[in-house]
Structure formats: structure tokens, C-alpha cells
Amino acid sequence: MHRYVARANLDHYLDLLNGDALAAHNRATITKLLVEEEDKLGHDLEQLEFAETHAANGRQKVDHVRRLRDAFAFGTTEREQADRLLVNYENLQTLLEDFCHRLRARINSREI
């Protein structure tokens, strides 16, 4: 049950962070909560698969947002908004990739 709740919380926080309407202080708070939930998950291959799936999905989202951003002309308001959104997605992706690396390291250190 604990893993289910942690995974549900992770999904919820990721959904919130994927939005573009969060104020900076709310984004920081939700990011902190996301990292705390990541730390609650077990350190086994099942959790690593879960994390890697989210990281792969995140890479696709970053690529999609980058393509959308590139469709706007330089210097326009739309391009500036898309740039800010892309930065948010890239920052979130860094968190997801770091989570995968931490899980891999924990699993590998246990196997030795």
C-alpha cells in the first residue's frame, strides 16, 4: 500500500509540475515534495522500472515542448512563454533523471 501511495503522489506532483500556472514558490515546494516521495520508494528493480518509464515519458515531453517553442518566431511573447515552459520541463526532467541514477546506484551497491 505504501508504494501505491508514493507512486500516486509522484504522479500527482509530476502533473502539477507539468503545468505552466504554478508560481515559483509553489513549484519549489512541489519539487521538494516530489523528491521526498521518491526517497520513500523502495530501491528495487520494480521501482527503477517505474522511474525509468517516467523519465522516458519526460524526455518525450521535453522534445515536444521544444518543437512547439521552435514554431514561434524569436522575440514574440509566445516564444518567451514557450521558453519558460521549456525550462520548467527541462528542470523536471533533470529531477527524473537524477532519481533514476540514484535508484540505479542503490540497486548496484546492494548487488555487490
N, C-alpha and C. Protein backbone atom coordinates (compact mmCIF):
# COMPACT_ATOMS: atom_id res chain seq x y z
N MET A 1 0.82 -1.19 0.00
CA MET A 1 0.00 0.00 0.00
C MET A 1 0.87 1.26 0.00
N HIS A 2 1.97 1.20 0.77
CA HIS A 2 2.87 2.36 0.87
C HIS A 2 3.42 2.74 -0.50
N ARG A 3 3.83 1.76 -1.29
CA ARG A 3 4.36 2.04 -2.62
C ARG A 3 3.30 2.63 -3.52
N TYR A 4 2.08 2.13 -3.40
CA TYR A 4 0.99 2.64 -4.23
C TYR A 4 0.77 4.13 -3.93
N VAL A 5 0.75 4.49 -2.66
CA VAL A 5 0.54 5.88 -2.27
C VAL A 5 1.70 6.75 -2.75
N ALA A 6 2.92 6.26 -2.58
CA ALA A 6 4.09 7.03 -3.02
C ALA A 6 4.06 7.23 -4.54
N ARG A 7 3.71 6.19 -5.28
CA ARG A 7 3.63 6.32 -6.73
C ARG A 7 2.52 7.27 -7.15
N ALA A 8 1.38 7.18 -6.48
CA ALA A 8 0.26 8.08 -6.79
C ALA A 8 0.66 9.53 -6.49
N ASN A 9 1.35 9.74 -5.39
CA ASN A 9 1.81 11.09 -5.06
C ASN A 9 2.81 11.59 -6.11
N LEU A 10 3.72 10.72 -6.52
CA LEU A 10 4.68 11.11 -7.56
C LEU A 10 3.95 11.53 -8.83
N ASP A 11 3.00 10.73 -9.25
CA ASP A 11 2.24 11.07 -10.46
C ASP A 11 1.52 12.41 -10.30
N HIS A 12 0.93 12.62 -9.13
CA HIS A 12 0.21 13.87 -8.87
C HIS A 12 1.17 15.07 -8.91
N TYR A 13 2.31 14.95 -8.25
CA TYR A 13 3.28 16.05 -8.25
C TYR A 13 3.82 16.32 -9.65
N LEU A 14 4.06 15.27 -10.41
CA LEU A 14 4.53 15.45 -11.79
C LEU A 14 3.49 16.17 -12.63
N ASP A 15 2.22 15.81 -12.46
CA ASP A 15 1.15 16.50 -13.18
C ASP A 15 1.13 17.99 -12.83
N LEU A 16 1.26 18.29 -11.55
CA LEU A 16 1.27 19.70 -11.12
C LEU A 16 2.47 20.44 -11.71
N LEU A 17 3.62 19.81 -11.68
CA LEU A 17 4.83 20.45 -12.18
C LEU A 17 4.82 20.60 -13.70
N ASN A 18 4.07 19.77 -14.38
CA ASN A 18 3.97 19.88 -15.83
C ASN A 18 3.09 21.04 -16.26
N GLY A 19 2.34 21.59 -15.35
CA GLY A 19 1.50 22.75 -15.66
C GLY A 19 2.33 24.01 -15.74
N ASP A 20 1.78 25.01 -16.37
CA ASP A 20 2.53 26.26 -16.52
C ASP A 20 1.97 27.38 -15.65
N ALA A 21 1.02 27.06 -14.78
CA ALA A 21 0.37 28.10 -13.99
C ALA A 21 0.89 28.17 -12.55
N LEU A 22 1.96 27.44 -12.24
CA LEU A 22 2.48 27.44 -10.87
C LEU A 22 3.38 28.64 -10.63
N ALA A 23 3.20 29.25 -9.47
CA ALA A 23 4.11 30.31 -9.05
C ALA A 23 5.44 29.67 -8.65
N ALA A 24 6.49 30.43 -8.67
CA ALA A 24 7.83 29.90 -8.39
C ALA A 24 7.91 29.24 -7.01
N HIS A 25 7.32 29.86 -5.98
CA HIS A 25 7.41 29.27 -4.64
C HIS A 25 6.60 27.97 -4.56
N ASN A 26 5.48 27.89 -5.27
CA ASN A 26 4.70 26.65 -5.29
C ASN A 26 5.46 25.56 -6.03
N ARG A 27 6.12 25.93 -7.12
CA ARG A 27 6.92 24.97 -7.88
C ARG A 27 8.03 24.40 -7.01
N ALA A 28 8.69 25.26 -6.23
CA ALA A 28 9.77 24.81 -5.35
C ALA A 28 9.24 23.86 -4.28
N THR A 29 8.10 24.18 -3.71
CA THR A 29 7.50 23.33 -2.68
C THR A 29 7.12 21.97 -3.24
N ILE A 30 6.49 21.96 -4.39
CA ILE A 30 6.06 20.70 -5.00
C ILE A 30 7.28 19.88 -5.42
N THR A 31 8.32 20.53 -5.89
CA THR A 31 9.55 19.83 -6.24
C THR A 31 10.14 19.15 -5.01
N LYS A 32 10.13 19.85 -3.89
CA LYS A 32 10.63 19.27 -2.64
C LYS A 32 9.80 18.05 -2.25
N LEU A 33 8.48 18.16 -2.36
CA LEU A 33 7.61 17.03 -2.05
C LEU A 33 7.86 15.85 -2.99
N LEU A 34 8.11 16.14 -4.25
CA LEU A 34 8.40 15.10 -5.23
C LEU A 34 9.65 14.33 -4.82
N VAL A 35 10.70 15.03 -4.47
CA VAL A 35 11.95 14.38 -4.07
C VAL A 35 11.74 13.55 -2.81
N GLU A 36 10.97 14.05 -1.86
CA GLU A 36 10.68 13.30 -0.64
C GLU A 36 9.94 12.00 -0.95
N GLU A 37 8.98 12.06 -1.88
CA GLU A 37 8.24 10.85 -2.25
C GLU A 37 9.15 9.86 -2.98
N GLU A 38 10.05 10.38 -3.80
CA GLU A 38 11.00 9.49 -4.48
C GLU A 38 11.82 8.71 -3.46
N ASP A 39 12.23 9.39 -2.41
CA ASP A 39 13.05 8.75 -1.39
C ASP A 39 12.27 7.70 -0.60
N LYS A 40 10.96 7.78 -0.58
CA LYS A 40 10.14 6.81 0.15
C LYS A 40 10.00 5.49 -0.59
N LEU A 41 10.19 5.52 -1.90
CA LEU A 41 10.03 4.29 -2.66
C LEU A 41 11.14 3.31 -2.33
N GLY A 42 10.83 2.04 -2.50
CA GLY A 42 11.84 1.01 -2.31
C GLY A 42 12.94 1.16 -3.34
N HIS A 43 13.96 0.41 -3.16
CA HIS A 43 15.12 0.52 -4.02
C HIS A 43 15.33 -0.79 -4.79
N ASP A 44 14.29 -1.24 -5.46
CA ASP A 44 14.40 -2.48 -6.20
C ASP A 44 14.17 -2.24 -7.68
N LEU A 45 14.30 -3.28 -8.45
CA LEU A 45 14.18 -3.16 -9.90
C LEU A 45 12.80 -2.69 -10.34
N GLU A 46 11.77 -3.06 -9.61
CA GLU A 46 10.41 -2.62 -9.96
C GLU A 46 10.30 -1.10 -9.87
N GLN A 47 10.88 -0.53 -8.84
CA GLN A 47 10.83 0.92 -8.68
C GLN A 47 11.69 1.61 -9.73
N LEU A 48 12.81 0.98 -10.08
CA LEU A 48 13.66 1.54 -11.12
C LEU A 48 12.92 1.55 -12.45
N GLU A 49 12.20 0.49 -12.75
CA GLU A 49 11.40 0.45 -13.98
C GLU A 49 10.36 1.57 -13.99
N PHE A 50 9.70 1.77 -12.86
CA PHE A 50 8.72 2.85 -12.72
C PHE A 50 9.39 4.21 -12.99
N ALA A 51 10.55 4.44 -12.39
CA ALA A 51 11.26 5.70 -12.56
C ALA A 51 11.73 5.89 -14.00
N GLU A 52 12.24 4.83 -14.60
CA GLU A 52 12.73 4.94 -15.97
C GLU A 52 11.59 5.20 -16.95
N THR A 53 10.42 4.65 -16.69
CA THR A 53 9.26 4.92 -17.54
C THR A 53 8.90 6.39 -17.46
N HIS A 54 8.88 6.95 -16.26
CA HIS A 54 8.58 8.37 -16.10
C HIS A 54 9.65 9.24 -16.76
N ALA A 55 10.90 8.85 -16.65
CA ALA A 55 11.97 9.62 -17.27
C ALA A 55 11.86 9.57 -18.80
N ALA A 56 11.53 8.41 -19.34
CA ALA A 56 11.36 8.30 -20.80
C ALA A 56 10.19 9.16 -21.28
N ASN A 57 9.09 9.12 -20.54
CA ASN A 57 7.95 9.97 -20.89
C ASN A 57 8.32 11.45 -20.80
N GLY A 58 9.10 11.78 -19.80
CA GLY A 58 9.54 13.16 -19.63
C GLY A 58 10.42 13.63 -20.78
N ARG A 59 11.29 12.76 -21.26
CA ARG A 59 12.13 13.13 -22.41
C ARG A 59 11.27 13.43 -23.63
N GLN A 60 10.22 12.64 -23.82
CA GLN A 60 9.30 12.89 -24.93
C GLN A 60 8.61 14.24 -24.76
N LYS A 61 8.19 14.56 -23.55
CA LYS A 61 7.52 15.84 -23.30
C LYS A 61 8.47 17.01 -23.56
N VAL A 62 9.72 16.88 -23.12
CA VAL A 62 10.70 17.95 -23.35
C VAL A 62 10.88 18.15 -24.86
N ASP A 63 11.02 17.07 -25.59
CA ASP A 63 11.18 17.18 -27.05
C ASP A 63 9.96 17.83 -27.69
N HIS A 64 8.78 17.46 -27.23
CA HIS A 64 7.55 18.03 -27.78
C HIS A 64 7.47 19.53 -27.51
N VAL A 65 7.74 19.92 -26.27
CA VAL A 65 7.69 21.35 -25.91
C VAL A 65 8.76 22.13 -26.67
N ARG A 66 9.92 21.52 -26.87
CA ARG A 66 10.98 22.19 -27.64
C ARG A 66 10.53 22.43 -29.08
N ARG A 67 9.89 21.43 -29.68
CA ARG A 67 9.39 21.60 -31.06
C ARG A 67 8.32 22.68 -31.12
N LEU A 68 7.43 22.71 -30.14
CA LEU A 68 6.41 23.76 -30.09
C LEU A 68 7.05 25.13 -29.94
N ARG A 69 8.01 25.23 -29.06
CA ARG A 69 8.71 26.50 -28.85
C ARG A 69 9.37 26.97 -30.14
N ASP A 70 9.98 26.04 -30.85
CA ASP A 70 10.68 26.39 -32.09
C ASP A 70 9.74 26.87 -33.20
N ALA A 71 8.46 26.59 -33.03
CA ALA A 71 7.49 27.03 -34.04
C ALA A 71 7.17 28.52 -33.92
N PHE A 72 7.52 29.12 -32.79
CA PHE A 72 7.25 30.54 -32.58
C PHE A 72 8.45 31.38 -33.03
N ALA A 73 8.17 32.55 -33.55
CA ALA A 73 9.22 33.46 -34.01
C ALA A 73 9.97 34.03 -32.81
N PHE A 74 11.27 34.26 -33.01
CA PHE A 74 12.08 34.88 -31.98
C PHE A 74 11.53 36.26 -31.64
N GLY A 75 11.58 36.59 -30.33
CA GLY A 75 11.16 37.91 -29.89
C GLY A 75 9.68 38.07 -29.63
N THR A 76 8.89 37.02 -29.90
CA THR A 76 7.45 37.14 -29.66
C THR A 76 7.12 36.74 -28.23
N THR A 77 5.98 37.19 -27.77
CA THR A 77 5.51 36.83 -26.44
C THR A 77 5.30 35.32 -26.33
N GLU A 78 4.78 34.72 -27.38
CA GLU A 78 4.55 33.28 -27.38
C GLU A 78 5.85 32.51 -27.22
N ARG A 79 6.89 32.98 -27.90
CA ARG A 79 8.20 32.32 -27.81
C ARG A 79 8.75 32.43 -26.39
N GLU A 80 8.59 33.59 -25.78
CA GLU A 80 9.06 33.79 -24.41
C GLU A 80 8.32 32.87 -23.43
N GLN A 81 7.01 32.75 -23.60
CA GLN A 81 6.23 31.85 -22.75
C GLN A 81 6.66 30.40 -22.96
N ALA A 82 6.86 30.04 -24.21
CA ALA A 82 7.29 28.68 -24.53
C ALA A 82 8.69 28.40 -23.96
N ASP A 83 9.56 29.40 -23.98
CA ASP A 83 10.90 29.25 -23.40
C ASP A 83 10.80 28.96 -21.90
N ARG A 84 9.93 29.71 -21.20
CA ARG A 84 9.76 29.49 -19.76
C ARG A 84 9.21 28.10 -19.49
N LEU A 85 8.24 27.68 -20.29
CA LEU A 85 7.67 26.34 -20.12
C LEU A 85 8.73 25.27 -20.38
N LEU A 86 9.53 25.47 -21.40
CA LEU A 86 10.58 24.51 -21.71
C LEU A 86 11.58 24.40 -20.56
N VAL A 87 11.94 25.51 -19.95
CA VAL A 87 12.86 25.48 -18.81
C VAL A 87 12.25 24.67 -17.68
N ASN A 88 10.95 24.85 -17.43
CA ASN A 88 10.29 24.07 -16.38
C ASN A 88 10.35 22.58 -16.68
N TYR A 89 10.06 22.21 -17.92
CA TYR A 89 10.09 20.81 -18.30
C TYR A 89 11.51 20.24 -18.21
N GLU A 90 12.49 21.02 -18.63
CA GLU A 90 13.88 20.55 -18.56
C GLU A 90 14.33 20.37 -17.10
N ASN A 91 13.93 21.28 -16.23
CA ASN A 91 14.27 21.14 -14.80
C ASN A 91 13.62 19.91 -14.21
N LEU A 92 12.37 19.67 -14.55
CA LEU A 92 11.67 18.49 -14.06
C LEU A 92 12.34 17.23 -14.60
N GLN A 93 12.75 17.27 -15.85
CA GLN A 93 13.41 16.11 -16.43
C GLN A 93 14.73 15.81 -15.72
N THR A 94 15.43 16.84 -15.33
CA THR A 94 16.67 16.64 -14.57
C THR A 94 16.39 15.91 -13.26
N LEU A 95 15.30 16.29 -12.59
CA LEU A 95 14.92 15.59 -11.35
C LEU A 95 14.62 14.12 -11.61
N LEU A 96 13.89 13.85 -12.69
CA LEU A 96 13.54 12.46 -13.01
C LEU A 96 14.79 11.64 -13.34
N GLU A 97 15.69 12.22 -14.10
CA GLU A 97 16.93 11.51 -14.46
C GLU A 97 17.78 11.27 -13.22
N ASP A 98 17.86 12.26 -12.33
CA ASP A 98 18.62 12.10 -11.09
C ASP A 98 18.02 10.98 -10.22
N PHE A 99 16.70 10.92 -10.18
CA PHE A 99 16.02 9.86 -9.44
C PHE A 99 16.42 8.49 -9.98
N CYS A 100 16.42 8.35 -11.29
CA CYS A 100 16.83 7.07 -11.91
C CYS A 100 18.27 6.73 -11.54
N HIS A 101 19.15 7.71 -11.62
CA HIS A 101 20.56 7.47 -11.29
C HIS A 101 20.73 7.04 -9.83
N ARG A 102 19.99 7.70 -8.93
CA ARG A 102 20.08 7.34 -7.51
C ARG A 102 19.58 5.92 -7.28
N LEU A 103 18.46 5.57 -7.91
CA LEU A 103 17.94 4.21 -7.75
C LEU A 103 18.91 3.18 -8.31
N ARG A 104 19.46 3.44 -9.49
CA ARG A 104 20.44 2.50 -10.08
C ARG A 104 21.63 2.33 -9.15
N ALA A 105 22.13 3.42 -8.59
CA ALA A 105 23.28 3.35 -7.69
C ALA A 105 22.95 2.53 -6.45
N ARG A 106 21.78 2.73 -5.88
CA ARG A 106 21.38 1.96 -4.69
C ARG A 106 21.26 0.48 -5.00
N ILE A 107 20.65 0.19 -6.13
CA ILE A 107 20.47 -1.22 -6.52
C ILE A 107 21.83 -1.86 -6.80
N ASN A 108 22.68 -1.17 -7.52
CA ASN A 108 24.01 -1.72 -7.84
C ASN A 108 24.87 -1.90 -6.59
N SER A 109 24.75 -0.99 -5.63
CA SER A 109 25.55 -1.13 -4.42
C SER A 109 25.07 -2.31 -3.56
N ARG A 110 23.80 -2.63 -3.65
CA ARG A 110 23.26 -3.78 -2.92
C ARG A 110 23.71 -5.09 -3.52
N GLU A 111 23.90 -5.10 -4.84
CA GLU A 111 24.21 -6.35 -5.55
C GLU A 111 25.66 -6.77 -5.37
N ILE A 112 26.51 -5.88 -4.90
CA ILE A 112 27.93 -6.22 -4.76
C ILE A 112 28.18 -7.07 -3.56
